[in-house]
Amino acid sequence: MARIVGAVATSHIPLIGKAIAMGWQNEPQWKSFFDSYAPVHEWLRSVRPDVAIVVYNDHGLNFFLDKMPTFAVGAAPEYVNDDEGWGLPVVRPFPGHQELSWHLIESLVADEFDITTCQEMQVDHGFAVPMALLWGTDARAVKTVPIVLNTVQFPLPSPARCHKLGEAIGRAVASFPDDLRVVVLGTGGLSHQLEGERAGFINKPFDLMCCDAIAHDVQPLLKYSSRDLVREAGSQGVELLAWLVMHGAMSRSMKQKHFAYHGAVSNTAAAVMLLAP
């Protein structure tokens, strides 16, 4: 039987990808940020996951305002990286796990989630940066299942609905017959806004409250609406929804094993969290 061995929440800021590509990991302004991922790297080496379910938000590469699914699941043999800019290098495709993808899709639809099925899908920095942060040059050694959330076009899914999606993903993984070690990644955020009068907005107290809730008691956070998240975390801070999907998928026996919060990285509050048994 497949099993979720743990979960990692991480920011997916494009500048992080550029820093990796340029080899800036030991530069003074970057060293503490990259060093904070060392415990996660050690954990990944110890558990050796076979598959990463990557929950993120598409940045206009596959979907735009004229057609924006609430939830989409990739079911492709591979996922081609073709980012929309940001000075990031285009990297090699990432291998998919089609059998698990189709099992997830069928299970989620049976669980009354209306899923957009993508037999072709390109992946941007929301997917590629976390894979590079966590696995580096070994990122193709683990197969992937992308799950995309709408964080752009209202109406957005609520925190409670996203958490329920995660719970359904957890049940689907547990019912998959193959012996797979699965890690769930929740990517994006934390608080930030890139446009308007609040451009550059970061709300550290709210970020830390959300992270504490995810680590210890998520229920108060599930009472927020998606508009509440925009007000408290900024228009792009709603990427926190991916962290809630991740949390919903993990078993209740998992605890926070590592957490680090950083100041602004390219006008975005950045953090990393590891949840494991």
C-alpha atoms as a PDB file:
ATOM      1  CA  MET A   1       0.000   0.000   0.000  1.00  0.00           C
ATOM      2  CA  ALA A   2       1.132   3.551  -0.692  1.00  0.00           C
ATOM      3  CA  ARG A   3       1.734   5.762   2.325  1.00  0.00           C
ATOM      4  CA  ILE A   4       2.477   9.412   2.960  1.00  0.00           C
ATOM      5  CA  VAL A   5       5.803   9.544   4.781  1.00  0.00           C
ATOM      6  CA  GLY A   6       5.751  13.261   5.469  1.00  0.00           C
ATOM      7  CA  ALA A   7       5.004  16.729   4.180  1.00  0.00           C
ATOM      8  CA  VAL A   8       7.052  19.819   3.372  1.00  0.00           C
ATOM      9  CA  ALA A   9       5.768  23.384   3.031  1.00  0.00           C
ATOM     10  CA  THR A  10       8.041  25.813   1.218  1.00  0.00           C
ATOM     11  CA  SER A  11       8.012  29.101  -0.609  1.00  0.00           C
ATOM     12  CA  HIS A  12       8.473  28.997  -4.388  1.00  0.00           C
ATOM     13  CA  ILE A  13       9.740  32.523  -5.055  1.00  0.00           C
ATOM     14  CA  PRO A  14      11.319  32.841  -8.536  1.00  0.00           C
ATOM     15  CA  LEU A  15      14.404  34.634  -7.184  1.00  0.00           C
ATOM     16  CA  ILE A  16      15.217  31.487  -5.174  1.00  0.00           C
ATOM     17  CA  GLY A  17      15.431  29.572  -8.444  1.00  0.00           C
ATOM     18  CA  LYS A  18      17.733  32.199  -9.892  1.00  0.00           C
ATOM     19  CA  ALA A  19      19.931  32.037  -6.767  1.00  0.00           C
ATOM     20  CA  ILE A  20      20.212  28.256  -7.211  1.00  0.00           C
ATOM     21  CA  ALA A  21      21.045  28.611 -10.902  1.00  0.00           C
ATOM     22  CA  MET A  22      23.677  31.279 -10.197  1.00  0.00           C
ATOM     23  CA  GLY A  23      25.246  29.314  -7.327  1.00  0.00           C
ATOM     24  CA  TRP A  24      24.579  31.961  -4.683  1.00  0.00           C
ATOM     25  CA  GLN A  25      23.865  29.491  -1.858  1.00  0.00           C
ATOM     26  CA  ASN A  26      26.879  30.613   0.175  1.00  0.00           C
ATOM     27  CA  GLU A  27      26.590  34.320  -0.511  1.00  0.00           C
ATOM     28  CA  PRO A  28      26.062  36.289   2.736  1.00  0.00           C
ATOM     29  CA  GLN A  29      22.545  37.406   1.816  1.00  0.00           C
ATOM     30  CA  TRP A  30      21.493  33.841   0.951  1.00  0.00           C
ATOM     31  CA  LYS A  31      23.420  31.476   3.211  1.00  0.00           C
ATOM     32  CA  SER A  32      21.027  31.457   6.190  1.00  0.00           C
ATOM     33  CA  PHE A  33      18.077  30.889   3.863  1.00  0.00           C
ATOM     34  CA  PHE A  34      19.585  27.870   2.112  1.00  0.00           C
ATOM     35  CA  ASP A  35      21.083  26.505   5.354  1.00  0.00           C
ATOM     36  CA  SER A  36      17.567  26.357   6.809  1.00  0.00           C
ATOM     37  CA  TYR A  37      16.731  23.581   4.325  1.00  0.00           C
ATOM     38  CA  ALA A  38      19.518  21.258   5.571  1.00  0.00           C
ATOM     39  CA  PRO A  39      17.257  19.363   8.043  1.00  0.00           C
ATOM     40  CA  VAL A  40      14.740  18.763   5.249  1.00  0.00           C
ATOM     41  CA  HIS A  41      17.469  17.463   2.945  1.00  0.00           C
ATOM     42  CA  GLU A  42      18.660  15.087   5.672  1.00  0.00           C
ATOM     43  CA  TRP A  43      15.114  13.835   6.208  1.00  0.00           C
ATOM     44  CA  LEU A  44      14.550  13.287   2.473  1.00  0.00           C
ATOM     45  CA  ARG A  45      17.753  11.261   2.257  1.00  0.00           C
ATOM     46  CA  SER A  46      16.581   9.085   5.139  1.00  0.00           C
ATOM     47  CA  VAL A  47      13.018   8.388   3.915  1.00  0.00           C
ATOM     48  CA  ARG A  48      13.799   8.293   0.153  1.00  0.00           C
ATOM     49  CA  PRO A  49      10.299   9.098  -1.178  1.00  0.00           C
ATOM     50  CA  ASP A  50       9.296   7.565  -4.502  1.00  0.00           C
ATOM     51  CA  VAL A  51       6.728  10.219  -5.414  1.00  0.00           C
ATOM     52  CA  ALA A  52       6.208  13.904  -4.635  1.00  0.00           C
ATOM     53  CA  ILE A  53       2.670  15.281  -4.821  1.00  0.00           C
ATOM     54  CA  VAL A  54       3.317  18.974  -5.487  1.00  0.00           C
ATOM     55  CA  VAL A  55       0.463  21.328  -4.563  1.00  0.00           C
ATOM     56  CA  TYR A  56       0.966  24.802  -6.016  1.00  0.00           C
ATOM     57  CA  ASN A  57      -0.669  27.563  -8.060  1.00  0.00           C
ATOM     58  CA  ASP A  58      -0.146  28.019 -11.781  1.00  0.00           C
ATOM     59  CA  HIS A  59       1.125  31.482 -12.766  1.00  0.00           C
ATOM     60  CA  GLY A  60      -0.590  31.790 -16.153  1.00  0.00           C
ATOM     61  CA  LEU A  61       1.342  29.031 -17.887  1.00  0.00           C
ATOM     62  CA  ASN A  62      -1.556  26.579 -18.247  1.00  0.00           C
ATOM     63  CA  PHE A  63      -4.588  28.586 -17.125  1.00  0.00           C
ATOM     64  CA  PHE A  64      -5.589  32.227 -17.368  1.00  0.00           C
ATOM     65  CA  LEU A  65      -8.602  34.355 -16.467  1.00  0.00           C
ATOM     66  CA  ASP A  66     -10.666  33.051 -19.395  1.00  0.00           C
ATOM     67  CA  LYS A  67     -10.542  29.496 -18.034  1.00  0.00           C
ATOM     68  CA  MET A  68      -9.447  28.910 -14.469  1.00  0.00           C
ATOM     69  CA  PRO A  69     -10.182  25.548 -12.819  1.00  0.00           C
ATOM     70  CA  THR A  70     -10.497  25.511  -9.066  1.00  0.00           C
ATOM     71  CA  PHE A  71      -8.498  22.282  -8.803  1.00  0.00           C
ATOM     72  CA  ALA A  72      -6.467  20.576 -11.545  1.00  0.00           C
ATOM     73  CA  VAL A  73      -4.427  17.359 -11.399  1.00  0.00           C
ATOM     74  CA  GLY A  74      -1.664  16.402 -13.808  1.00  0.00           C
ATOM     75  CA  ALA A  75      -1.817  12.961 -15.417  1.00  0.00           C
ATOM     76  CA  ALA A  76       1.091  13.200 -17.846  1.00  0.00           C
ATOM     77  CA  PRO A  77       4.152  10.959 -18.261  1.00  0.00           C
ATOM     78  CA  GLU A  78       6.347  14.028 -17.780  1.00  0.00           C
ATOM     79  CA  TYR A  79       5.983  17.726 -17.002  1.00  0.00           C
ATOM     80  CA  VAL A  80       7.862  20.192 -19.174  1.00  0.00           C
ATOM     81  CA  ASN A  81       9.301  23.279 -17.496  1.00  0.00           C
ATOM     82  CA  ASP A  82       8.464  26.413 -19.479  1.00  0.00           C
ATOM     83  CA  ASP A  83       8.309  29.326 -17.063  1.00  0.00           C
ATOM     84  CA  GLU A  84       6.895  32.674 -18.084  1.00  0.00           C
ATOM     85  CA  GLY A  85      10.001  34.691 -17.336  1.00  0.00           C
ATOM     86  CA  TRP A  86      11.625  35.946 -14.117  1.00  0.00           C
ATOM     87  CA  GLY A  87      15.127  35.297 -15.459  1.00  0.00           C
ATOM     88  CA  LEU A  88      14.890  31.612 -14.526  1.00  0.00           C
ATOM     89  CA  PRO A  89      16.651  28.994 -16.651  1.00  0.00           C
ATOM     90  CA  VAL A  90      14.425  26.412 -18.308  1.00  0.00           C
ATOM     91  CA  VAL A  91      15.229  22.996 -16.824  1.00  0.00           C
ATOM     92  CA  ARG A  92      14.687  19.422 -17.932  1.00  0.00           C
ATOM     93  CA  PRO A  93      11.206  17.860 -17.686  1.00  0.00           C
ATOM     94  CA  PHE A  94      10.113  16.188 -14.472  1.00  0.00           C
ATOM     95  CA  PRO A  95       8.879  12.569 -14.591  1.00  0.00           C
ATOM     96  CA  GLY A  96       5.257  11.949 -13.673  1.00  0.00           C
ATOM     97  CA  HIS A  97       3.662   8.969 -11.936  1.00  0.00           C
ATOM     98  CA  GLN A  98       0.660   8.411 -14.185  1.00  0.00           C
ATOM     99  CA  GLU A  99      -0.772   5.457 -12.280  1.00  0.00           C
ATOM    100  CA  LEU A 100      -0.956   7.400  -9.024  1.00  0.00           C
ATOM    101  CA  SER A 101      -2.242  10.473 -10.875  1.00  0.00           C
ATOM    102  CA  TRP A 102      -5.178   8.587 -12.370  1.00  0.00           C
ATOM    103  CA  HIS A 103      -5.907   6.910  -9.064  1.00  0.00           C
ATOM    104  CA  LEU A 104      -5.997  10.325  -7.370  1.00  0.00           C
ATOM    105  CA  ILE A 105      -8.246  11.769 -10.072  1.00  0.00           C
ATOM    106  CA  GLU A 106     -10.718   8.883  -9.897  1.00  0.00           C
ATOM    107  CA  SER A 107     -10.709   8.920  -6.093  1.00  0.00           C
ATOM    108  CA  LEU A 108     -11.183  12.692  -5.854  1.00  0.00           C
ATOM    109  CA  VAL A 109     -14.079  12.678  -8.303  1.00  0.00           C
ATOM    110  CA  ALA A 110     -15.664   9.807  -6.347  1.00  0.00           C
ATOM    111  CA  ASP A 111     -15.151  11.976  -3.247  1.00  0.00           C
ATOM    112  CA  GLU A 112     -17.256  14.707  -4.941  1.00  0.00           C
ATOM    113  CA  PHE A 113     -14.401  17.015  -5.990  1.00  0.00           C
ATOM    114  CA  ASP A 114     -14.744  18.409  -9.503  1.00  0.00           C
ATOM    115  CA  ILE A 115     -11.247  17.984 -10.927  1.00  0.00           C
ATOM    116  CA  THR A 116      -9.764  19.244 -14.193  1.00  0.00           C
ATOM    117  CA  THR A 117      -7.662  16.396 -15.595  1.00  0.00           C
ATOM    118  CA  CYS A 118      -4.513  17.500 -17.451  1.00  0.00           C
ATOM    119  CA  GLN A 119      -2.934  14.854 -19.656  1.00  0.00           C
ATOM    120  CA  GLU A 120      -0.499  17.546 -20.758  1.00  0.00           C
ATOM    121  CA  MET A 121       0.789  20.145 -18.311  1.00  0.00           C
ATOM    122  CA  GLN A 122       3.652  22.606 -18.240  1.00  0.00           C
ATOM    123  CA  VAL A 123       5.157  23.517 -14.887  1.00  0.00           C
ATOM    124  CA  ASP A 124       6.476  26.898 -13.788  1.00  0.00           C
ATOM    125  CA  HIS A 125       8.498  28.127 -10.802  1.00  0.00           C
ATOM    126  CA  GLY A 126       5.684  27.181  -8.405  1.00  0.00           C
ATOM    127  CA  PHE A 127       6.617  23.560  -9.102  1.00  0.00           C
ATOM    128  CA  ALA A 128      10.231  23.707 -10.308  1.00  0.00           C
ATOM    129  CA  VAL A 129      11.722  25.906  -7.557  1.00  0.00           C
ATOM    130  CA  PRO A 130      10.578  23.627  -4.677  1.00  0.00           C
ATOM    131  CA  MET A 131      11.869  20.560  -6.536  1.00  0.00           C
ATOM    132  CA  ALA A 132      15.273  22.250  -6.953  1.00  0.00           C
ATOM    133  CA  LEU A 133      15.291  23.468  -3.345  1.00  0.00           C
ATOM    134  CA  LEU A 134      14.555  20.025  -1.927  1.00  0.00           C
ATOM    135  CA  TRP A 135      16.330  17.643  -4.308  1.00  0.00           C
ATOM    136  CA  GLY A 136      18.780  19.774  -6.286  1.00  0.00           C
ATOM    137  CA  THR A 137      20.320  17.860  -9.176  1.00  0.00           C
ATOM    138  CA  ASP A 138      18.525  14.683  -7.985  1.00  0.00           C
ATOM    139  CA  ALA A 139      15.066  16.190  -8.573  1.00  0.00           C
ATOM    140  CA  ARG A 140      14.360  13.734 -11.447  1.00  0.00           C
ATOM    141  CA  ALA A 141      14.964  10.735  -9.166  1.00  0.00           C
ATOM    142  CA  VAL A 142      11.510  11.182  -7.632  1.00  0.00           C
ATOM    143  CA  LYS A 143       8.338  10.974  -9.728  1.00  0.00           C
ATOM    144  CA  THR A 144       5.750  13.698  -9.406  1.00  0.00           C
ATOM    145  CA  VAL A 145       2.021  14.453  -9.380  1.00  0.00           C
ATOM    146  CA  PRO A 146       1.204  18.172  -9.808  1.00  0.00           C
ATOM    147  CA  ILE A 147      -1.969  19.523  -8.197  1.00  0.00           C
ATOM    148  CA  VAL A 148      -2.866  23.101  -9.105  1.00  0.00           C
ATOM    149  CA  LEU A 149      -5.115  25.442  -7.097  1.00  0.00           C
ATOM    150  CA  ASN A 150      -6.834  28.612  -8.261  1.00  0.00           C
ATOM    151  CA  THR A 151      -5.398  31.507  -6.250  1.00  0.00           C
ATOM    152  CA  VAL A 152      -6.025  34.151  -8.915  1.00  0.00           C
ATOM    153  CA  GLN A 153      -9.620  34.464 -10.073  1.00  0.00           C
ATOM    154  CA  PHE A 154     -12.501  34.860  -7.623  1.00  0.00           C
ATOM    155  CA  PRO A 155     -14.296  32.890  -6.365  1.00  0.00           C
ATOM    156  CA  LEU A 156     -11.349  31.171  -4.711  1.00  0.00           C
ATOM    157  CA  PRO A 157     -11.673  27.901  -2.795  1.00  0.00           C
ATOM    158  CA  SER A 158     -11.960  28.415   0.940  1.00  0.00           C
ATOM    159  CA  PRO A 159      -9.316  27.292   3.426  1.00  0.00           C
ATOM    160  CA  ALA A 160     -11.761  24.654   4.711  1.00  0.00           C
ATOM    161  CA  ARG A 161     -12.419  23.331   1.188  1.00  0.00           C
ATOM    162  CA  CYS A 162      -8.684  23.126   0.463  1.00  0.00           C
ATOM    163  CA  HIS A 163      -8.109  21.244   3.698  1.00  0.00           C
ATOM    164  CA  LYS A 164     -10.865  18.798   2.766  1.00  0.00           C
ATOM    165  CA  LEU A 165      -9.181  18.312  -0.621  1.00  0.00           C
ATOM    166  CA  GLY A 166      -6.012  17.381   1.254  1.00  0.00           C
ATOM    167  CA  GLU A 167      -7.913  14.882   3.383  1.00  0.00           C
ATOM    168  CA  ALA A 168      -9.316  13.316   0.209  1.00  0.00           C
ATOM    169  CA  ILE A 169      -5.807  13.124  -1.265  1.00  0.00           C
ATOM    170  CA  GLY A 170      -4.628  11.365   1.894  1.00  0.00           C
ATOM    171  CA  ARG A 171      -7.412   8.783   1.586  1.00  0.00           C
ATOM    172  CA  ALA A 172      -6.653   8.269  -2.096  1.00  0.00           C
ATOM    173  CA  VAL A 173      -2.952   7.667  -1.472  1.00  0.00           C
ATOM    174  CA  ALA A 174      -3.753   5.192   1.318  1.00  0.00           C
ATOM    175  CA  SER A 175      -5.957   3.198  -1.080  1.00  0.00           C
ATOM    176  CA  PHE A 176      -3.358   2.964  -3.861  1.00  0.00           C
ATOM    177  CA  PRO A 177      -2.211  -0.677  -4.006  1.00  0.00           C
ATOM    178  CA  ASP A 178       1.465  -0.206  -4.924  1.00  0.00           C
ATOM    179  CA  ASP A 179       4.099   0.114  -2.221  1.00  0.00           C
ATOM    180  CA  LEU A 180       5.087   3.762  -2.602  1.00  0.00           C
ATOM    181  CA  ARG A 181       6.612   6.289  -0.229  1.00  0.00           C
ATOM    182  CA  VAL A 182       4.874   9.607  -0.935  1.00  0.00           C
ATOM    183  CA  VAL A 183       5.792  13.095   0.228  1.00  0.00           C
ATOM    184  CA  VAL A 184       3.318  15.971  -0.119  1.00  0.00           C
ATOM    185  CA  LEU A 185       4.653  19.445  -0.878  1.00  0.00           C
ATOM    186  CA  GLY A 186       2.626  22.584  -0.191  1.00  0.00           C
ATOM    187  CA  THR A 187       4.271  25.458  -2.031  1.00  0.00           C
ATOM    188  CA  GLY A 188       3.910  29.227  -2.216  1.00  0.00           C
ATOM    189  CA  GLY A 189       3.691  32.265   0.010  1.00  0.00           C
ATOM    190  CA  LEU A 190       3.751  33.358   2.660  1.00  0.00           C
ATOM    191  CA  SER A 191       2.280  36.882   2.847  1.00  0.00           C
ATOM    192  CA  HIS A 192       2.923  39.108  -0.140  1.00  0.00           C
ATOM    193  CA  GLN A 193       1.268  41.438  -2.608  1.00  0.00           C
ATOM    194  CA  LEU A 194       2.822  42.392  -5.912  1.00  0.00           C
ATOM    195  CA  GLU A 195       0.465  45.130  -7.114  1.00  0.00           C
ATOM    196  CA  GLY A 196      -1.590  48.127  -6.052  1.00  0.00           C
ATOM    197  CA  GLU A 197      -1.324  50.342  -2.999  1.00  0.00           C
ATOM    198  CA  ARG A 198      -0.221  47.411  -0.817  1.00  0.00           C
ATOM    199  CA  ALA A 199       2.620  46.281  -3.104  1.00  0.00           C
ATOM    200  CA  GLY A 200       5.360  44.903  -0.868  1.00  0.00           C
ATOM    201  CA  PHE A 201       2.900  44.091   1.937  1.00  0.00           C
ATOM    202  CA  ILE A 202       4.124  41.470   4.429  1.00  0.00           C
ATOM    203  CA  ASN A 203       2.288  40.487   7.614  1.00  0.00           C
ATOM    204  CA  LYS A 204       4.760  38.586   9.783  1.00  0.00           C
ATOM    205  CA  PRO A 205       2.434  38.128  12.811  1.00  0.00           C
ATOM    206  CA  PHE A 206      -0.242  36.588  10.580  1.00  0.00           C
ATOM    207  CA  ASP A 207       2.326  34.364   8.843  1.00  0.00           C
ATOM    208  CA  LEU A 208       3.592  33.039  12.159  1.00  0.00           C
ATOM    209  CA  MET A 209       0.049  32.487  13.419  1.00  0.00           C
ATOM    210  CA  CYS A 210      -0.757  30.455  10.289  1.00  0.00           C
ATOM    211  CA  CYS A 211       2.398  28.370  10.611  1.00  0.00           C
ATOM    212  CA  ASP A 212       1.706  27.700  14.272  1.00  0.00           C
ATOM    213  CA  ALA A 213      -1.864  26.654  13.410  1.00  0.00           C
ATOM    214  CA  ILE A 214      -0.628  24.271  10.711  1.00  0.00           C
ATOM    215  CA  ALA A 215       1.862  22.781  13.143  1.00  0.00           C
ATOM    216  CA  HIS A 216      -0.453  22.442  16.142  1.00  0.00           C
ATOM    217  CA  ASP A 217      -4.156  23.195  15.630  1.00  0.00           C
ATOM    218  CA  VAL A 218      -5.345  24.073  12.152  1.00  0.00           C
ATOM    219  CA  GLN A 219      -9.044  24.423  13.020  1.00  0.00           C
ATOM    220  CA  PRO A 220      -9.054  28.193  13.760  1.00  0.00           C
ATOM    221  CA  LEU A 221      -7.399  28.843  10.399  1.00  0.00           C
ATOM    222  CA  LEU A 222     -10.112  26.886   8.574  1.00  0.00           C
ATOM    223  CA  LYS A 223     -12.702  29.417   9.743  1.00  0.00           C
ATOM    224  CA  TYR A 224     -11.133  32.103   7.545  1.00  0.00           C
ATOM    225  CA  SER A 225     -12.577  32.868   4.122  1.00  0.00           C
ATOM    226  CA  SER A 226     -10.382  33.285   1.060  1.00  0.00           C
ATOM    227  CA  ARG A 227     -11.131  37.028   1.239  1.00  0.00           C
ATOM    228  CA  ASP A 228      -9.907  37.036   4.842  1.00  0.00           C
ATOM    229  CA  LEU A 229      -6.618  35.599   3.573  1.00  0.00           C
ATOM    230  CA  VAL A 230      -6.311  38.344   0.960  1.00  0.00           C
ATOM    231  CA  ARG A 231      -6.913  40.991   3.623  1.00  0.00           C
ATOM    232  CA  GLU A 232      -4.420  39.519   6.103  1.00  0.00           C
ATOM    233  CA  ALA A 233      -1.761  38.070   3.787  1.00  0.00           C
ATOM    234  CA  GLY A 234      -2.050  40.062   0.550  1.00  0.00           C
ATOM    235  CA  SER A 235      -3.511  39.187  -2.820  1.00  0.00           C
ATOM    236  CA  GLN A 236      -0.779  36.624  -3.511  1.00  0.00           C
ATOM    237  CA  GLY A 237      -0.611  35.492   0.118  1.00  0.00           C
ATOM    238  CA  VAL A 238      -3.598  33.257  -0.599  1.00  0.00           C
ATOM    239  CA  GLU A 239      -0.983  30.765  -1.814  1.00  0.00           C
ATOM    240  CA  LEU A 240      -1.195  29.618   1.801  1.00  0.00           C
ATOM    241  CA  LEU A 241      -4.119  27.502   0.540  1.00  0.00           C
ATOM    242  CA  ALA A 242      -1.581  25.014  -0.858  1.00  0.00           C
ATOM    243  CA  TRP A 243      -0.152  24.581   2.650  1.00  0.00           C
ATOM    244  CA  LEU A 244      -3.640  23.719   3.887  1.00  0.00           C
ATOM    245  CA  VAL A 245      -4.067  21.049   1.215  1.00  0.00           C
ATOM    246  CA  MET A 246      -0.723  19.624   2.311  1.00  0.00           C
ATOM    247  CA  HIS A 247      -1.783  19.633   5.962  1.00  0.00           C
ATOM    248  CA  GLY A 248      -5.063  17.890   5.182  1.00  0.00           C
ATOM    249  CA  ALA A 249      -3.256  15.049   3.404  1.00  0.00           C
ATOM    250  CA  MET A 250      -0.971  14.136   6.274  1.00  0.00           C
ATOM    251  CA  SER A 251      -1.914  11.772   9.070  1.00  0.00           C
ATOM    252  CA  ARG A 252      -2.702  13.236  12.473  1.00  0.00           C
ATOM    253  CA  SER A 253       0.334  11.441  13.915  1.00  0.00           C
ATOM    254  CA  MET A 254       2.692  13.776  12.045  1.00  0.00           C
ATOM    255  CA  LYS A 255       4.302  16.617  13.952  1.00  0.00           C
ATOM    256  CA  GLN A 256       6.411  19.614  13.091  1.00  0.00           C
ATOM    257  CA  LYS A 257      10.039  18.496  12.889  1.00  0.00           C
ATOM    258  CA  HIS A 258      11.560  21.678  11.482  1.00  0.00           C
ATOM    259  CA  PHE A 259      10.488  25.247  10.826  1.00  0.00           C
ATOM    260  CA  ALA A 260      12.284  28.397   9.676  1.00  0.00           C
ATOM    261  CA  TYR A 261      10.764  31.777   8.829  1.00  0.00           C
ATOM    262  CA  HIS A 262      12.650  34.355   6.806  1.00  0.00           C
ATOM    263  CA  GLY A 263      12.159  37.987   6.053  1.00  0.00           C
ATOM    264  CA  ALA A 264      11.304  39.244   2.623  1.00  0.00           C
ATOM    265  CA  VAL A 265      12.796  37.398  -0.334  1.00  0.00           C
ATOM    266  CA  SER A 266      11.878  39.441  -3.412  1.00  0.00           C
ATOM    267  CA  ASN A 267       8.949  41.093  -1.553  1.00  0.00           C
ATOM    268  CA  THR A 268       7.613  37.765  -0.283  1.00  0.00           C
ATOM    269  CA  ALA A 269       7.787  36.343   3.234  1.00  0.00           C
ATOM    270  CA  ALA A 270       9.516  32.958   2.915  1.00  0.00           C
ATOM    271  CA  ALA A 271       9.389  29.891   5.159  1.00  0.00           C
ATOM    272  CA  VAL A 272      10.002  26.153   5.239  1.00  0.00           C
ATOM    273  CA  MET A 273       8.257  23.559   7.403  1.00  0.00           C
ATOM    274  CA  LEU A 274       8.711  19.792   7.747  1.00  0.00           C
ATOM    275  CA  LEU A 275       5.930  17.593   9.123  1.00  0.00           C
ATOM    276  CA  ALA A 276       6.686  13.927   9.741  1.00  0.00           C
ATOM    277  CA  PRO A 277       5.900  11.069  12.168  1.00  0.00           C
END
